[in-house]
């Protein structure tokens, strides 16, 4: 393996792999390119290369070929949701290993939601003392039309990462040329934080950490709440060197703000007339704060609705239209339309797979087979050519919205879905890098 600076035409992550009967030579202009070349070499070897134990009787050979490979997109990533079900540090590292194998360079870490706060914040310890625990988890198919009566298992669920854990995982990812993008969801999906500090809620009453799907409150927009969130982001920034900080911004429940006297008073004070405008004000405050810290805000496509600064990045999950709209408004975008990229959908026969977030097995729109993932091009056909450069790439959210089911199909954590999800990560990796074999 050799660093060859004259291969700069391959970019920061490209490489050249030359295999002849006498030698294997991997060259690249950067260490990242050398790393990706080694991953391709592993893929060319017999599958036993991925075993941890020594494998006797294996013929270690690769075909003669010449490959020049450069990434089509800057952002090639997958998300892991550890809020709905906490994943131990060792599992997170294993997930990062899977991303590295598939030449992905972005690990989107969903660290908090209404169902659990998973990162230590030293200035506000109740976030983990209270917010990392919930009394139960959902069981069986989700009752989308009757969340208040969702069946639960009665088993307490808890866990969080210390700041030392986070540093260790970030360093582990860096060794594999993966950037860790933290997501601290706000202002919606915030019930775990409001359970920890009720004064930051909209309705002025105690709520539990969410244990079903019946959300009870979300952040208010008082100045003290915004300063509290600045405290949180300040500690997050110290832990994560990532240029991008994800603030969520999706699925803010307007009814909580409409029926809150303090929110209505705040809107009058700020001179805004709708909850979308209020969220826009909040997002711009976060954006200004992150910009001062030298970081870039990224959020789900709902952040477009209230108006955002030109520097903000949009992750389009409700189809492609949000990404197209964002790019036309000169925002960079990451494409993650749920119907093509969400790994918590069924990938095959629902009767033979663990339960997913689908309202019932086989429900229309909740099937994501392997061929559909392979077939998705993250550059939308409707994207104007002059805006195409704003598409940074594609993400695969592994949202753990999975419920436990009957004993023989019970799913308590996303680790049981790792195996079926792996093939769809293969597809994501194939769409992120465009290998060009020459003289095979």
Foldseek 3Di string as FASTA:
>chain_A
DEADLVVCVQPAQKWKWFDDPVDIDIYYNYPNNVLLVVLVLCVQFPPCSPPPDDDPPGDTDGDGFMWIWHWPFQAQAAEDECQLPHDDLVVLLVVLVLCLSLSGAEYEYEQAFLQAHAEAQPVQRLLQVARFKDQWAFADAAPPPCQVPGHTDRHMGGHHAYLVSLLVSQVSNVVSNHAYAYEAEDQHRANSVCLSPVVQWQANDHDHRDHTPDDDTGGADDPVNLVVVLSVVVVVVVSGVALEYEHALPDDDQVSLVPGPVSVVVCVVVVHDGVLLVSLVSQQVVQVSSVVVNHEYEYELSNPSNDYDLRHEYEYACDCPSVLVNLVVNHAYAYEHPLQAELQAAQDQQVPAAAGNDNDGPPPSRYHHLVSNLPDASQDPPRDPVSSVSYNYYYHYHHPPGHAYPPVRGDNDCVVVCVVVSSSSSSSSCNGMPMDIDPD
